[in-house]
Amino acid sequence: MTHWGGLGSRLFAAQLIVIAVAAGTLAVTVSLVAPGLFLHHLTMTGEESPVVQQHAMEAFESSVRLAMLAAGAMAVIAAIALSWFVARRVSRPIEQLAAAAESVADANYDIDLLDAGLGPELRSLSDSFQRMANQLAATEQSRQQLLADLAHEIRTPLATLEVHIDGQEDGVVPTDASSYEVMREQVHRLHRLTNDLKEVSAAQEHALELRPRVITVDQLITEAVRAAGARYQAKGVHLTALSDAGCGEIYADPDRIQQVLTNILDNALRHTPQAGAVTVSCQSGSGQSGSRQSDDEHFAAITVTDDGEGIPTGHLEMVFDRFHRVDGSRHRAGPGGTGLGLTIARAIVADHGGTLTAASPGVGHGTTVTITLPRPTQRP
């Protein structure tokens, strides 16, 4: 229903004003022009009698007035009906958009805007608003999931600290170096979680400070493997680098890409059993047919392949979500992990104009993580 004072009633009033102005203009024009024309044509017939001309003019004016009144009444009725229909037709989708905006303002993102059929402009507005509502709904869901995951991640170290503190107060837990070491590890875990949350937020909001320059892929791989070597040796996992000068150069921030490689290598180490193997290699292009990264001249690819637990097919994209877990698979954070490493890594690579993807034949058959980064000629 159109509310008085609303858009529909204002459009209707505007249409009535247009009708009134048109009717008045028509009446004035007819009264000024028609009698003179009639008298002129009457004189042209040879009728010069003043009496006849007067009676003819009175008959003409009377007929014109009656015709104008009848035609005007019908025209006004039809115009009013059409104006009301048009005003209602135009105002209804605007009212729906206003109601949808109020719903979104009240944090209710479940809206469904239909095409009103009033042209591409209004359809584009409705589509844009619908996409905005859907994105806000996804953001809200992500926020709630993040809070729930964060509460879960914090609960374990806090519970451990609480148990040790209570136990030491009650004399159940000894006050020795071993107990302090356990508590120190939990504090370190909380610090790392805090830092990773700050890092992932900055990365996903494109707020990281990047200092890209031209560097060789071989140098990146060599340094990453050297830095991770001790951790791999301690677990008994073989780490191999297959790179050479033929891998060429890329345009990237070396410190950030080292952070990406460290996260990926640490993730591979957590999910590769003792005596397993992890290989880091490079190649020109990403090998993804049909994508821009498949152009060997524009992108280089770094792959990290392990023979560990593998990833279920349906979880290849989910491993990059914050705190993603799948029991019995490689997606649990494990000791020393926060579940944010791959999320941070993908956001950093995306800021460089590249991609980070995972592939796996299935559980128990290992995983390959591929990083594509732009060549110096493709500086983003």
Protein backbone atom coordinates (compact mmCIF):
# COMPACT_ATOMS: atom_id res chain seq x y z
CA MET A 1 0.00 0.00 0.00
CA THR A 2 1.28 3.46 -0.91
CA HIS A 3 1.70 5.66 2.18
CA TRP A 4 0.80 9.35 1.92
CA GLY A 5 4.03 11.30 2.04
CA GLY A 6 5.92 8.34 0.67
CA LEU A 7 7.57 7.92 -2.72
CA GLY A 8 4.43 6.47 -4.34
CA SER A 9 2.16 9.28 -3.23
CA ARG A 10 4.71 11.89 -4.29
CA LEU A 11 5.00 10.32 -7.74
CA PHE A 12 1.19 10.20 -7.96
CA ALA A 13 0.90 13.87 -6.93
CA ALA A 14 3.54 14.82 -9.50
CA GLN A 15 1.58 13.00 -12.20
CA LEU A 16 -1.62 14.85 -11.16
CA ILE A 17 0.16 18.19 -11.43
CA VAL A 18 1.39 17.24 -14.92
CA ILE A 19 -2.18 16.27 -15.89
CA ALA A 20 -3.61 19.53 -14.52
CA VAL A 21 -1.03 21.64 -16.33
CA ALA A 22 -1.62 19.74 -19.59
CA ALA A 23 -5.41 20.11 -19.28
CA GLY A 24 -5.18 23.82 -18.50
CA THR A 25 -2.79 24.41 -21.38
CA LEU A 26 -5.11 22.54 -23.74
CA ALA A 27 -8.18 24.53 -22.60
CA VAL A 28 -6.46 27.90 -22.93
CA THR A 29 -5.04 26.99 -26.35
CA VAL A 30 -8.43 25.83 -27.66
CA SER A 31 -10.25 28.95 -26.31
CA LEU A 32 -7.72 31.28 -27.91
CA VAL A 33 -7.16 29.58 -31.25
CA ALA A 34 -10.32 27.64 -32.15
CA PRO A 35 -12.92 30.55 -32.32
CA GLY A 36 -10.75 32.61 -34.64
CA LEU A 37 -10.07 29.68 -36.94
CA PHE A 38 -13.77 28.76 -37.01
CA LEU A 39 -14.80 32.34 -37.84
CA HIS A 40 -12.15 32.53 -40.56
CA HIS A 41 -13.36 29.33 -42.22
CA LEU A 42 -17.01 30.47 -41.89
CA THR A 43 -16.20 33.76 -43.67
CA MET A 44 -14.37 31.83 -46.39
CA THR A 45 -17.68 30.08 -47.22
CA GLY A 46 -19.21 33.50 -48.17
CA GLU A 47 -21.46 33.75 -45.13
CA GLU A 48 -21.20 37.38 -44.00
CA SER A 49 -24.41 37.77 -41.98
CA PRO A 50 -23.52 38.86 -38.43
CA VAL A 51 -26.54 37.04 -37.00
CA VAL A 52 -25.64 33.76 -38.70
CA GLN A 53 -21.99 34.13 -37.68
CA GLN A 54 -22.98 34.82 -34.05
CA HIS A 55 -25.30 31.80 -33.86
CA ALA A 56 -22.71 29.60 -35.56
CA MET A 57 -19.99 30.79 -33.15
CA GLU A 58 -22.22 30.14 -30.11
CA ALA A 59 -23.02 26.66 -31.44
CA PHE A 60 -19.33 25.99 -32.07
CA GLU A 61 -18.24 27.19 -28.63
CA SER A 62 -20.96 25.18 -26.93
CA SER A 63 -20.00 22.05 -28.85
CA VAL A 64 -16.31 22.56 -28.11
CA ARG A 65 -16.98 23.06 -24.40
CA LEU A 66 -19.09 19.91 -24.18
CA ALA A 67 -16.55 17.92 -26.16
CA MET A 68 -13.69 19.30 -24.04
CA LEU A 69 -15.52 18.48 -20.80
CA ALA A 70 -16.36 14.95 -21.90
CA ALA A 71 -12.93 14.26 -23.37
CA GLY A 72 -11.20 15.95 -20.44
CA ALA A 73 -13.14 13.92 -17.88
CA MET A 74 -12.32 10.65 -19.62
CA ALA A 75 -8.69 11.66 -20.12
CA VAL A 76 -8.30 12.72 -16.49
CA ILE A 77 -9.83 9.46 -15.20
CA ALA A 78 -7.59 7.38 -17.47
CA ALA A 79 -4.52 9.47 -16.64
CA ILE A 80 -5.17 9.26 -12.89
CA ALA A 81 -5.57 5.48 -13.08
CA LEU A 82 -2.42 5.11 -15.16
CA SER A 83 -0.49 7.51 -12.93
CA TRP A 84 -1.49 5.55 -9.82
CA PHE A 85 -0.41 2.29 -11.47
CA VAL A 86 2.94 3.72 -12.58
CA ALA A 87 3.59 5.32 -9.18
CA ARG A 88 2.80 2.07 -7.41
CA ARG A 89 4.84 0.06 -9.89
CA VAL A 90 7.86 2.26 -9.43
CA SER A 91 7.59 2.72 -5.66
CA ARG A 92 7.08 -0.94 -4.76
CA PRO A 93 10.65 -2.14 -5.54
CA ILE A 94 12.05 0.97 -3.85
CA GLU A 95 10.00 0.16 -0.75
CA GLN A 96 11.28 -3.42 -0.91
CA LEU A 97 14.86 -2.16 -1.10
CA ALA A 98 14.22 0.13 1.88
CA ALA A 99 12.76 -2.78 3.87
CA ALA A 100 15.75 -4.94 2.88
CA ALA A 101 18.13 -2.19 4.02
CA GLU A 102 16.37 -2.03 7.40
CA SER A 103 16.64 -5.81 7.65
CA VAL A 104 20.37 -5.72 6.92
CA ALA A 105 20.81 -2.88 9.44
CA ASP A 106 19.19 -5.17 12.03
CA ALA A 107 21.78 -7.88 11.16
CA ASN A 108 19.21 -10.00 9.31
CA TYR A 109 20.88 -10.83 6.00
CA ASP A 110 18.34 -13.37 4.79
CA ILE A 111 16.71 -11.28 2.06
CA ASP A 112 15.50 -12.12 -1.42
CA LEU A 113 15.10 -9.26 -3.90
CA LEU A 114 13.23 -10.11 -7.09
CA ASP A 115 13.62 -8.39 -10.45
CA ALA A 116 10.91 -5.71 -10.65
CA GLY A 117 11.17 -5.53 -14.43
CA LEU A 118 11.71 -1.75 -14.44
CA GLY A 119 14.90 -1.65 -16.46
CA PRO A 120 18.59 -2.44 -16.05
CA GLU A 121 19.31 0.37 -13.59
CA LEU A 122 16.98 -0.85 -10.86
CA ARG A 123 17.87 -4.47 -11.59
CA SER A 124 21.56 -3.63 -11.18
CA LEU A 125 20.82 -1.88 -7.89
CA SER A 126 18.83 -4.87 -6.59
CA ASP A 127 21.53 -7.34 -7.69
CA SER A 128 24.27 -5.26 -6.06
CA PHE A 129 22.30 -5.01 -2.82
CA GLN A 130 21.62 -8.75 -2.85
CA ARG A 131 25.34 -9.49 -3.33
CA MET A 132 26.19 -7.10 -0.52
CA ALA A 133 23.74 -8.85 1.82
CA ASN A 134 25.14 -12.26 0.86
CA GLN A 135 28.70 -11.09 1.49
CA LEU A 136 27.72 -9.60 4.84
CA ALA A 137 26.04 -12.89 5.76
CA ALA A 138 29.20 -14.81 4.82
CA THR A 139 31.33 -12.35 6.79
CA GLU A 140 29.10 -12.68 9.84
CA GLN A 141 29.19 -16.46 9.63
CA SER A 142 32.97 -16.34 9.30
CA ARG A 143 33.20 -14.01 12.29
CA GLN A 144 31.09 -16.28 14.46
CA GLN A 145 33.08 -19.31 13.36
CA LEU A 146 36.32 -17.48 14.08
CA LEU A 147 35.19 -16.58 17.60
CA ALA A 148 34.12 -20.16 18.26
CA ASP A 149 37.41 -21.54 16.90
CA LEU A 150 39.41 -18.97 18.81
CA ALA A 151 37.66 -19.86 22.06
CA HIS A 152 38.44 -23.52 21.39
CA GLU A 153 42.11 -22.79 20.63
CA ILE A 154 42.56 -20.68 23.78
CA ARG A 155 40.75 -23.13 26.04
CA THR A 156 43.42 -25.85 25.94
CA PRO A 157 46.49 -23.81 26.99
CA LEU A 158 44.46 -21.93 29.60
CA ALA A 159 43.17 -25.19 31.04
CA THR A 160 46.70 -26.57 31.19
CA LEU A 161 47.96 -23.46 32.95
CA GLU A 162 45.06 -23.56 35.39
CA VAL A 163 45.68 -27.22 36.23
CA HIS A 164 49.37 -26.64 36.89
CA ILE A 165 48.79 -23.53 39.00
CA ASP A 166 46.07 -25.23 41.08
CA GLY A 167 48.16 -28.36 41.35
CA GLN A 168 51.16 -26.44 42.61
CA GLU A 169 49.01 -24.59 45.16
CA ASP A 170 47.61 -27.92 46.41
CA GLY A 171 51.04 -29.57 46.39
CA VAL A 172 49.94 -32.15 43.79
CA VAL A 173 52.08 -30.82 40.95
CA PRO A 174 55.77 -30.38 41.83
CA THR A 175 57.23 -26.90 41.56
CA ASP A 176 60.19 -27.82 39.40
CA ALA A 177 61.75 -27.02 36.04
CA SER A 178 59.54 -29.54 34.25
CA SER A 179 56.31 -27.89 35.44
CA TYR A 180 57.57 -24.43 34.57
CA GLU A 181 58.57 -25.68 31.14
CA VAL A 182 55.03 -26.98 30.52
CA MET A 183 53.51 -23.65 31.58
CA ARG A 184 56.07 -21.74 29.52
CA GLU A 185 55.12 -23.80 26.45
CA GLN A 186 51.45 -22.95 26.92
CA VAL A 187 52.25 -19.24 27.28
CA HIS A 188 54.37 -19.48 24.13
CA ARG A 189 51.43 -21.17 22.36
CA LEU A 190 49.14 -18.30 23.35
CA HIS A 191 51.70 -15.75 22.15
CA ARG A 192 52.03 -17.56 18.83
CA LEU A 193 48.26 -17.75 18.44
CA THR A 194 47.98 -14.01 19.09
CA ASN A 195 50.70 -13.20 16.58
CA ASP A 196 49.20 -15.51 13.94
CA LEU A 197 45.77 -13.96 14.37
CA LYS A 198 47.26 -10.50 13.90
CA GLU A 199 49.17 -11.73 10.86
CA VAL A 200 46.22 -13.42 9.17
CA SER A 201 43.99 -10.39 9.74
CA ALA A 202 46.58 -8.07 8.19
CA ALA A 203 47.17 -10.46 5.29
CA GLN A 204 43.49 -10.93 4.44
CA GLU A 205 42.90 -7.18 4.64
CA HIS A 206 45.89 -6.56 2.32
CA ALA A 207 47.55 -4.55 5.08
CA LEU A 208 50.90 -6.36 5.01
CA GLU A 209 53.92 -4.25 4.23
CA LEU A 210 55.48 -5.87 1.17
CA ARG A 211 58.94 -4.97 -0.11
CA PRO A 212 59.15 -6.88 -3.37
CA ARG A 213 62.27 -7.10 -5.48
CA VAL A 214 63.73 -9.37 -8.14
CA ILE A 215 65.02 -12.60 -6.58
CA THR A 216 65.92 -16.06 -7.85
CA VAL A 217 63.65 -19.01 -7.11
CA ASP A 218 66.67 -21.25 -6.49
CA GLN A 219 67.89 -18.94 -3.73
CA LEU A 220 64.48 -18.96 -2.02
CA ILE A 221 64.23 -22.74 -2.07
CA THR A 222 67.80 -23.24 -0.86
CA GLU A 223 67.35 -20.90 2.09
CA ALA A 224 63.96 -22.39 3.05
CA VAL A 225 65.30 -25.96 3.01
CA ARG A 226 68.40 -24.94 4.98
CA ALA A 227 66.26 -23.22 7.65
CA ALA A 228 63.93 -26.23 8.04
CA GLY A 229 66.67 -28.84 7.87
CA ALA A 230 67.22 -29.23 11.62
CA ARG A 231 63.52 -29.72 12.37
CA TYR A 232 63.21 -32.37 9.66
CA GLN A 233 66.35 -34.15 10.83
CA ALA A 234 65.06 -34.23 14.40
CA LYS A 235 61.88 -36.05 13.29
CA GLY A 236 63.65 -38.30 10.82
CA VAL A 237 61.93 -36.96 7.70
CA HIS A 238 63.98 -36.55 4.51
CA LEU A 239 63.88 -33.04 3.04
CA THR A 240 65.16 -32.58 -0.50
CA ALA A 241 65.55 -29.50 -2.70
CA LEU A 242 65.34 -29.96 -6.48
CA SER A 243 66.15 -26.56 -7.90
CA ASP A 244 68.68 -24.91 -10.16
CA ALA A 245 69.40 -21.61 -11.82
CA GLY A 246 67.00 -22.58 -14.61
CA CYS A 247 64.05 -21.77 -12.35
CA GLY A 248 64.63 -18.13 -13.13
CA GLU A 249 63.60 -15.05 -11.20
CA ILE A 250 60.42 -13.77 -9.60
CA TYR A 251 59.26 -10.41 -8.28
CA ALA A 252 58.42 -10.84 -4.59
CA ASP A 253 59.22 -9.93 -1.01
CA PRO A 254 61.82 -12.56 -0.04
CA ASP A 255 61.03 -12.39 3.69
CA ARG A 256 57.31 -12.92 3.12
CA ILE A 257 57.85 -15.76 0.66
CA GLN A 258 60.21 -17.40 3.15
CA GLN A 259 57.39 -17.12 5.67
CA VAL A 260 55.08 -18.87 3.19
CA LEU A 261 57.59 -21.66 2.55
CA THR A 262 58.21 -22.07 6.30
CA ASN A 263 54.49 -22.46 6.98
CA ILE A 264 54.08 -25.00 4.17
CA LEU A 265 57.19 -26.98 5.18
CA ASP A 266 56.14 -27.02 8.85
CA ASN A 267 52.68 -28.22 7.83
CA ALA A 268 54.19 -30.97 5.67
CA LEU A 269 56.50 -32.01 8.53
CA ARG A 270 53.60 -32.33 11.00
CA HIS A 271 51.73 -34.65 8.65
CA THR A 272 54.57 -36.75 7.27
CA PRO A 273 55.56 -39.81 9.32
CA GLN A 274 59.10 -40.68 10.37
CA ALA A 275 61.24 -41.88 7.46
CA GLY A 276 58.90 -40.06 5.08
CA ALA A 277 60.06 -37.62 2.43
CA VAL A 278 59.30 -34.04 1.47
CA THR A 279 60.57 -32.53 -1.77
CA VAL A 280 60.74 -28.86 -2.74
CA SER A 281 61.09 -28.18 -6.46
CA CYS A 282 60.48 -25.42 -8.98
CA GLN A 283 59.34 -25.06 -12.56
CA SER A 284 58.29 -22.40 -15.03
CA GLY A 285 54.52 -21.79 -15.06
CA SER A 286 52.00 -23.54 -12.84
CA GLY A 287 50.90 -26.22 -15.23
CA GLN A 288 47.30 -25.13 -14.85
CA SER A 289 45.93 -25.20 -18.33
CA GLY A 290 43.65 -22.33 -19.21
CA SER A 291 44.77 -20.09 -16.37
CA ARG A 292 46.99 -17.07 -16.55
CA GLN A 293 49.57 -18.85 -14.38
CA SER A 294 50.09 -21.44 -17.09
CA ASP A 295 52.04 -18.90 -19.14
CA ASP A 296 55.66 -19.94 -18.57
CA GLU A 297 56.96 -16.48 -19.39
CA HIS A 298 54.89 -14.73 -16.74
CA PHE A 299 54.88 -17.04 -13.69
CA ALA A 300 57.10 -19.49 -11.85
CA ALA A 301 55.88 -22.33 -9.63
CA ILE A 302 57.33 -23.77 -6.42
CA THR A 303 55.96 -27.15 -5.32
CA VAL A 304 56.24 -28.86 -1.94
CA THR A 305 55.42 -32.57 -2.22
CA ASP A 306 55.20 -35.03 0.68
CA ASP A 307 54.30 -38.72 1.01
CA GLY A 308 52.37 -38.20 4.23
CA GLU A 309 48.74 -38.45 5.29
CA GLY A 310 47.17 -36.80 2.25
CA ILE A 311 43.96 -34.80 2.04
CA PRO A 312 40.39 -35.98 1.29
CA THR A 313 39.24 -34.64 -2.07
CA GLY A 314 36.45 -32.58 -0.56
CA HIS A 315 38.85 -30.73 1.76
CA LEU A 316 41.47 -29.46 -0.67
CA GLU A 317 40.19 -25.88 -0.42
CA MET A 318 39.17 -26.10 3.22
CA VAL A 319 42.76 -26.61 4.38
CA PHE A 320 43.29 -22.89 3.75
CA ASP A 321 40.44 -21.91 6.09
CA ARG A 322 41.26 -20.62 9.55
CA PHE A 323 41.49 -23.39 12.19
CA HIS A 324 40.23 -26.01 9.74
CA ARG A 325 40.30 -29.52 11.21
CA VAL A 326 39.44 -32.98 9.94
CA ASP A 327 39.99 -35.78 12.44
CA GLY A 328 42.41 -38.37 11.23
CA SER A 329 43.80 -36.21 8.43
CA ARG A 330 46.57 -33.71 7.94
CA HIS A 331 44.36 -30.74 8.84
CA ARG A 332 44.76 -30.74 12.59
CA ALA A 333 47.25 -28.23 13.84
CA GLY A 334 49.21 -30.66 15.92
CA PRO A 335 51.99 -29.71 18.34
CA GLY A 336 53.30 -26.26 17.64
CA GLY A 337 50.61 -25.37 15.09
CA THR A 338 47.78 -22.86 15.36
CA GLY A 339 45.79 -23.87 12.27
CA LEU A 340 46.49 -20.49 10.67
CA GLY A 341 49.69 -21.16 8.74
CA LEU A 342 48.16 -22.04 5.38
CA THR A 343 45.61 -19.23 5.69
CA ILE A 344 48.41 -16.71 6.19
CA ALA A 345 50.45 -18.27 3.38
CA ARG A 346 47.62 -18.04 0.83
CA ALA A 347 46.86 -14.41 1.72
CA ILE A 348 50.54 -13.44 1.34
CA VAL A 349 50.82 -15.16 -2.04
CA ALA A 350 47.58 -13.52 -3.21
CA ASP A 351 48.99 -10.11 -2.27
CA HIS A 352 51.91 -10.87 -4.59
CA GLY A 353 49.52 -11.57 -7.46
CA GLY A 354 50.04 -15.33 -7.32
CA THR A 355 48.14 -18.41 -6.18
CA LEU A 356 48.51 -21.13 -3.55
CA THR A 357 46.77 -24.46 -4.17
CA ALA A 358 46.81 -27.99 -2.78
CA ALA A 359 46.39 -31.31 -4.57
CA SER A 360 46.23 -34.85 -3.21
CA PRO A 361 45.24 -38.27 -4.61
CA GLY A 362 43.51 -38.95 -1.29
CA VAL A 363 44.12 -39.96 2.32
CA GLY A 364 47.40 -41.83 2.72
CA HIS A 365 48.81 -40.79 -0.64
CA GLY A 366 50.61 -37.56 0.15
CA THR A 367 50.02 -33.96 -0.84
CA THR A 368 51.45 -31.41 -3.25
CA VAL A 369 51.20 -27.70 -2.46
CA THR A 370 51.93 -25.35 -5.39
CA ILE A 371 52.91 -21.69 -5.15
CA THR A 372 52.82 -19.54 -8.31
CA LEU A 373 54.53 -16.18 -8.29
CA PRO A 374 54.91 -13.53 -11.00
CA ARG A 375 58.05 -13.02 -13.03
CA PRO A 376 59.70 -9.57 -12.92
CA THR A 377 57.90 -8.69 -16.18
CA GLN A 378 54.52 -9.24 -14.48
CA ARG A 379 54.90 -6.95 -11.50
CA PRO A 380 51.46 -6.44 -9.93
